[in-house]
PDB file of N, CA and C in Angstrom:
ATOM      1  N   MET A   1      -7.883  17.240  -2.773  1.00  0.00           N
ATOM      2  CA  MET A   1      -7.071  18.188  -3.495  1.00  0.00           C
ATOM      3  C   MET A   1      -7.741  18.537  -4.815  1.00  0.00           C
ATOM      4  N   ALA A   2      -8.243  17.543  -5.522  1.00  0.00           N
ATOM      5  CA  ALA A   2      -8.871  17.807  -6.816  1.00  0.00           C
ATOM      6  C   ALA A   2     -10.159  18.608  -6.652  1.00  0.00           C
ATOM      7  N   ASP A   3     -10.854  18.423  -5.528  1.00  0.00           N
ATOM      8  CA  ASP A   3     -12.073  19.200  -5.294  1.00  0.00           C
ATOM      9  C   ASP A   3     -11.760  20.688  -5.147  1.00  0.00           C
ATOM     10  N   HIS A   4     -10.632  20.972  -4.569  1.00  0.00           N
ATOM     11  CA  HIS A   4     -10.262  22.369  -4.324  1.00  0.00           C
ATOM     12  C   HIS A   4      -9.683  23.023  -5.581  1.00  0.00           C
ATOM     13  N   PHE A   5      -8.763  22.347  -6.264  1.00  0.00           N
ATOM     14  CA  PHE A   5      -8.075  22.936  -7.397  1.00  0.00           C
ATOM     15  C   PHE A   5      -8.620  22.493  -8.761  1.00  0.00           C
ATOM     16  N   GLY A   6      -9.339  21.379  -8.804  1.00  0.00           N
ATOM     17  CA  GLY A   6      -9.829  20.839 -10.064  1.00  0.00           C
ATOM     18  C   GLY A   6      -9.011  19.631 -10.485  1.00  0.00           C
ATOM     19  N   ASP A   7      -9.631  18.743 -11.263  1.00  0.00           N
ATOM     20  CA  ASP A   7      -8.976  17.495 -11.664  1.00  0.00           C
ATOM     21  C   ASP A   7      -7.744  17.713 -12.542  1.00  0.00           C
ATOM     22  N   GLU A   8      -7.732  18.746 -13.341  1.00  0.00           N
ATOM     23  CA  GLU A   8      -6.638  18.974 -14.276  1.00  0.00           C
ATOM     24  C   GLU A   8      -5.594  19.971 -13.768  1.00  0.00           C
ATOM     25  N   SER A   9      -5.645  20.323 -12.508  1.00  0.00           N
ATOM     26  CA  SER A   9      -4.716  21.315 -11.974  1.00  0.00           C
ATOM     27  C   SER A   9      -3.342  20.692 -11.706  1.00  0.00           C
ATOM     28  N   ARG A  10      -2.347  21.528 -11.625  1.00  0.00           N
ATOM     29  CA  ARG A  10      -0.988  21.063 -11.361  1.00  0.00           C
ATOM     30  C   ARG A  10      -0.850  20.428  -9.972  1.00  0.00           C
ATOM     31  N   PRO A  11      -1.431  21.025  -8.903  1.00  0.00           N
ATOM     32  CA  PRO A  11      -1.325  20.363  -7.590  1.00  0.00           C
ATOM     33  C   PRO A  11      -1.961  18.969  -7.570  1.00  0.00           C
ATOM     34  N   ALA A  12      -3.105  18.817  -8.232  1.00  0.00           N
ATOM     35  CA  ALA A  12      -3.743  17.500  -8.277  1.00  0.00           C
ATOM     36  C   ALA A  12      -2.870  16.512  -9.040  1.00  0.00           C
ATOM     37  N   TYR A  13      -2.238  16.965 -10.105  1.00  0.00           N
ATOM     38  CA  TYR A  13      -1.347  16.102 -10.882  1.00  0.00           C
ATOM     39  C   TYR A  13      -0.140  15.674 -10.053  1.00  0.00           C
ATOM     40  N   LEU A  14       0.449  16.597  -9.306  1.00  0.00           N
ATOM     41  CA  LEU A  14       1.631  16.276  -8.515  1.00  0.00           C
ATOM     42  C   LEU A  14       1.346  15.261  -7.418  1.00  0.00           C
ATOM     43  N   VAL A  15       0.106  15.199  -6.962  1.00  0.00           N
ATOM     44  CA  VAL A  15      -0.260  14.250  -5.914  1.00  0.00           C
ATOM     45  C   VAL A  15      -0.592  12.873  -6.495  1.00  0.00           C
ATOM     46  N   THR A  16      -1.124  12.820  -7.718  1.00  0.00           N
ATOM     47  CA  THR A  16      -1.580  11.559  -8.288  1.00  0.00           C
ATOM     48  C   THR A  16      -0.610  10.935  -9.286  1.00  0.00           C
ATOM     49  N   CYS A  17       0.387  11.658  -9.727  1.00  0.00           N
ATOM     50  CA  CYS A  17       1.360  11.158 -10.707  1.00  0.00           C
ATOM     51  C   CYS A  17       2.251  10.095 -10.076  1.00  0.00           C
ATOM     52  N   GLY A  18       2.440   8.966 -10.762  1.00  0.00           N
ATOM     53  CA  GLY A  18       3.270   7.893 -10.238  1.00  0.00           C
ATOM     54  C   GLY A  18       4.719   8.306 -10.032  1.00  0.00           C
ATOM     55  N   TRP A  19       5.280   9.039 -10.981  1.00  0.00           N
ATOM     56  CA  TRP A  19       6.655   9.518 -10.846  1.00  0.00           C
ATOM     57  C   TRP A  19       6.754  10.525  -9.705  1.00  0.00           C
ATOM     58  N   CYS A  20       5.770  11.406  -9.611  1.00  0.00           N
ATOM     59  CA  CYS A  20       5.794  12.439  -8.569  1.00  0.00           C
ATOM     60  C   CYS A  20       5.687  11.824  -7.181  1.00  0.00           C
ATOM     61  N   THR A  21       4.895  10.789  -7.050  1.00  0.00           N
ATOM     62  CA  THR A  21       4.756  10.117  -5.766  1.00  0.00           C
ATOM     63  C   THR A  21       6.097   9.535  -5.328  1.00  0.00           C
ATOM     64  N   GLY A  22       6.849   8.988  -6.274  1.00  0.00           N
ATOM     65  CA  GLY A  22       8.177   8.478  -5.964  1.00  0.00           C
ATOM     66  C   GLY A  22       9.108   9.578  -5.486  1.00  0.00           C
ATOM     67  N   ILE A  23       8.979  10.754  -6.093  1.00  0.00           N
ATOM     68  CA  ILE A  23       9.806  11.891  -5.689  1.00  0.00           C
ATOM     69  C   ILE A  23       9.455  12.318  -4.263  1.00  0.00           C
ATOM     70  N   TRP A  24       8.148  12.378  -3.959  1.00  0.00           N
ATOM     71  CA  TRP A  24       7.739  12.774  -2.602  1.00  0.00           C
ATOM     72  C   TRP A  24       8.269  11.780  -1.575  1.00  0.00           C
ATOM     73  N   ALA A  25       8.162  10.497  -1.878  1.00  0.00           N
ATOM     74  CA  ALA A  25       8.663   9.482  -0.945  1.00  0.00           C
ATOM     75  C   ALA A  25      10.179   9.582  -0.798  1.00  0.00           C
ATOM     76  N   SER A  26      10.855   9.776  -1.911  1.00  0.00           N
ATOM     77  CA  SER A  26      12.311   9.899  -1.872  1.00  0.00           C
ATOM     78  C   SER A  26      12.743  11.128  -1.094  1.00  0.00           C
ATOM     79  N   ALA A  27      12.042  12.227  -1.278  1.00  0.00           N
ATOM     80  CA  ALA A  27      12.395  13.463  -0.581  1.00  0.00           C
ATOM     81  C   ALA A  27      12.272  13.315   0.931  1.00  0.00           C
ATOM     82  N   SER A  28      11.380  12.463   1.366  1.00  0.00           N
ATOM     83  CA  SER A  28      11.240  12.273   2.810  1.00  0.00           C
ATOM     84  C   SER A  28      12.275  11.301   3.360  1.00  0.00           C
ATOM     85  N   VAL A  29      12.832  10.436   2.509  1.00  0.00           N
ATOM     86  CA  VAL A  29      13.766   9.414   2.977  1.00  0.00           C
ATOM     87  C   VAL A  29      15.224   9.839   2.836  1.00  0.00           C
ATOM     88  N   VAL A  30      15.552  10.618   1.825  1.00  0.00           N
ATOM     89  CA  VAL A  30      16.947  10.966   1.560  1.00  0.00           C
ATOM     90  C   VAL A  30      17.631  11.677   2.728  1.00  0.00           C
ATOM     91  N   PRO A  31      17.000  12.643   3.384  1.00  0.00           N
ATOM     92  CA  PRO A  31      17.695  13.263   4.532  1.00  0.00           C
ATOM     93  C   PRO A  31      18.030  12.255   5.630  1.00  0.00           C
ATOM     94  N   LEU A  32      17.158  11.301   5.844  1.00  0.00           N
ATOM     95  CA  LEU A  32      17.443  10.265   6.839  1.00  0.00           C
ATOM     96  C   LEU A  32      18.631   9.415   6.412  1.00  0.00           C
ATOM     97  N   ALA A  33      18.718   9.097   5.131  1.00  0.00           N
ATOM     98  CA  ALA A  33      19.841   8.309   4.628  1.00  0.00           C
ATOM     99  C   ALA A  33      21.144   9.088   4.755  1.00  0.00           C
ATOM    100  N   TYR A  34      21.089  10.365   4.497  1.00  0.00           N
ATOM    101  CA  TYR A  34      22.281  11.202   4.617  1.00  0.00           C
ATOM    102  C   TYR A  34      22.793  11.220   6.060  1.00  0.00           C
ATOM    103  N   LEU A  35      21.890  11.345   6.987  1.00  0.00           N
ATOM    104  CA  LEU A  35      22.279  11.373   8.394  1.00  0.00           C
ATOM    105  C   LEU A  35      22.772  10.019   8.888  1.00  0.00           C
ATOM    106  N   ALA A  36      22.272   8.944   8.301  1.00  0.00           N
ATOM    107  CA  ALA A  36      22.647   7.605   8.746  1.00  0.00           C
ATOM    108  C   ALA A  36      24.061   7.238   8.310  1.00  0.00           C
ATOM    109  N   GLY A  37      24.535   7.817   7.206  1.00  0.00           N
ATOM    110  CA  GLY A  37      25.879   7.494   6.730  1.00  0.00           C
ATOM    111  C   GLY A  37      25.935   6.125   6.081  1.00  0.00           C
ATOM    112  N   ASP A  38      27.092   5.495   6.163  1.00  0.00           N
ATOM    113  CA  ASP A  38      27.300   4.199   5.511  1.00  0.00           C
ATOM    114  C   ASP A  38      26.953   3.064   6.476  1.00  0.00           C
ATOM    115  N   THR A  39      25.669   2.894   6.687  1.00  0.00           N
ATOM    116  CA  THR A  39      25.182   1.856   7.598  1.00  0.00           C
ATOM    117  C   THR A  39      24.166   0.980   6.876  1.00  0.00           C
ATOM    118  N   THR A  40      23.677   0.002   7.564  1.00  0.00           N
ATOM    119  CA  THR A  40      22.634  -0.846   7.000  1.00  0.00           C
ATOM    120  C   THR A  40      21.386  -0.033   6.686  1.00  0.00           C
ATOM    121  N   VAL A  41      21.129   0.951   7.511  1.00  0.00           N
ATOM    122  CA  VAL A  41      19.975   1.823   7.273  1.00  0.00           C
ATOM    123  C   VAL A  41      20.139   2.550   5.946  1.00  0.00           C
ATOM    124  N   PHE A  42      21.335   3.052   5.684  1.00  0.00           N
ATOM    125  CA  PHE A  42      21.594   3.738   4.422  1.00  0.00           C
ATOM    126  C   PHE A  42      21.357   2.799   3.246  1.00  0.00           C
ATOM    127  N   GLN A  43      21.816   1.577   3.353  1.00  0.00           N
ATOM    128  CA  GLN A  43      21.628   0.606   2.278  1.00  0.00           C
ATOM    129  C   GLN A  43      20.152   0.293   2.085  1.00  0.00           C
ATOM    130  N   ALA A  44      19.408   0.205   3.170  1.00  0.00           N
ATOM    131  CA  ALA A  44      17.976  -0.059   3.062  1.00  0.00           C
ATOM    132  C   ALA A  44      17.265   1.103   2.379  1.00  0.00           C
ATOM    133  N   VAL A  45      17.658   2.314   2.726  1.00  0.00           N
ATOM    134  CA  VAL A  45      17.048   3.497   2.108  1.00  0.00           C
ATOM    135  C   VAL A  45      17.395   3.554   0.630  1.00  0.00           C
ATOM    136  N   ALA A  46      18.623   3.242   0.284  1.00  0.00           N
ATOM    137  CA  ALA A  46      19.011   3.219  -1.122  1.00  0.00           C
ATOM    138  C   ALA A  46      18.181   2.202  -1.890  1.00  0.00           C
ATOM    139  N   MET A  47      17.888   1.075  -1.258  1.00  0.00           N
ATOM    140  CA  MET A  47      17.053   0.069  -1.895  1.00  0.00           C
ATOM    141  C   MET A  47      15.628   0.598  -2.094  1.00  0.00           C
ATOM    142  N   VAL A  48      15.111   1.308  -1.101  1.00  0.00           N
ATOM    143  CA  VAL A  48      13.767   1.877  -1.210  1.00  0.00           C
ATOM    144  C   VAL A  48      13.710   2.880  -2.361  1.00  0.00           C
ATOM    145  N   LEU A  49      14.724   3.713  -2.470  1.00  0.00           N
ATOM    146  CA  LEU A  49      14.751   4.685  -3.558  1.00  0.00           C
ATOM    147  C   LEU A  49      14.847   4.009  -4.918  1.00  0.00           C
ATOM    148  N   THR A  50      15.610   2.947  -4.992  1.00  0.00           N
ATOM    149  CA  THR A  50      15.711   2.196  -6.243  1.00  0.00           C
ATOM    150  C   THR A  50      14.371   1.576  -6.593  1.00  0.00           C
ATOM    151  N   LEU A  51      13.696   1.018  -5.611  1.00  0.00           N
ATOM    152  CA  LEU A  51      12.380   0.434  -5.854  1.00  0.00           C
ATOM    153  C   LEU A  51      11.365   1.498  -6.254  1.00  0.00           C
ATOM    154  N   SER A  52      11.494   2.693  -5.697  1.00  0.00           N
ATOM    155  CA  SER A  52      10.628   3.799  -6.080  1.00  0.00           C
ATOM    156  C   SER A  52      10.830   4.142  -7.548  1.00  0.00           C
ATOM    157  N   TYR A  53      12.086   4.186  -7.968  1.00  0.00           N
ATOM    158  CA  TYR A  53      12.392   4.456  -9.365  1.00  0.00           C
ATOM    159  C   TYR A  53      11.806   3.371 -10.263  1.00  0.00           C
ATOM    160  N   LEU A  54      11.976   2.126  -9.872  1.00  0.00           N
ATOM    161  CA  LEU A  54      11.457   1.023 -10.676  1.00  0.00           C
ATOM    162  C   LEU A  54       9.931   1.039 -10.736  1.00  0.00           C
ATOM    163  N   ALA A  55       9.280   1.440  -9.646  1.00  0.00           N
ATOM    164  CA  ALA A  55       7.816   1.553  -9.660  1.00  0.00           C
ATOM    165  C   ALA A  55       7.371   2.633 -10.633  1.00  0.00           C
ATOM    166  N   GLY A  56       8.074   3.753 -10.659  1.00  0.00           N
ATOM    167  CA  GLY A  56       7.758   4.802 -11.624  1.00  0.00           C
ATOM    168  C   GLY A  56       7.977   4.349 -13.046  1.00  0.00           C
ATOM    169  N   LEU A  57       9.055   3.612 -13.268  1.00  0.00           N
ATOM    170  CA  LEU A  57       9.343   3.081 -14.598  1.00  0.00           C
ATOM    171  C   LEU A  57       8.270   2.084 -15.027  1.00  0.00           C
ATOM    172  N   ALA A  58       7.878   1.204 -14.126  1.00  0.00           N
ATOM    173  CA  ALA A  58       6.818   0.243 -14.428  1.00  0.00           C
ATOM    174  C   ALA A  58       5.497   0.962 -14.680  1.00  0.00           C
ATOM    175  N   SER A  59       5.264   2.036 -13.971  1.00  0.00           N
ATOM    176  CA  SER A  59       4.042   2.818 -14.155  1.00  0.00           C
ATOM    177  C   SER A  59       3.925   3.343 -15.581  1.00  0.00           C
ATOM    178  N   THR A  60       5.048   3.793 -16.132  1.00  0.00           N
ATOM    179  CA  THR A  60       4.999   4.306 -17.515  1.00  0.00           C
ATOM    180  C   THR A  60       4.805   3.178 -18.507  1.00  0.00           C
ATOM    181  N   TRP A  61       5.352   2.005 -18.229  1.00  0.00           N
ATOM    182  CA  TRP A  61       5.193   0.881 -19.142  1.00  0.00           C
ATOM    183  C   TRP A  61       3.779   0.329 -19.111  1.00  0.00           C
ATOM    184  N   LEU A  62       3.131   0.376 -17.942  1.00  0.00           N
ATOM    185  CA  LEU A  62       1.798  -0.204 -17.796  1.00  0.00           C
ATOM    186  C   LEU A  62       0.686   0.729 -18.240  1.00  0.00           C
ATOM    187  N   ASP A  63       0.995   2.018 -18.383  1.00  0.00           N
ATOM    188  CA  ASP A  63      -0.037   2.966 -18.807  1.00  0.00           C
ATOM    189  C   ASP A  63      -0.348   2.816 -20.236  1.00  0.00           C
TER     190      ASP A  63
END
């Protein structure tokens, strides 16, 4: 991606940003959680999203 758009481009940033990566992962999981309803799967997905948030938060603290 960076070869095509450049290292400082917005698309390259959206792919490499720790917070953005969490958003991409969450966007792929949330529709599945919505369809699952109030099941163990939903709880597992909610945990994954929470961990994604915490990873983004830790990313800002470690930078």
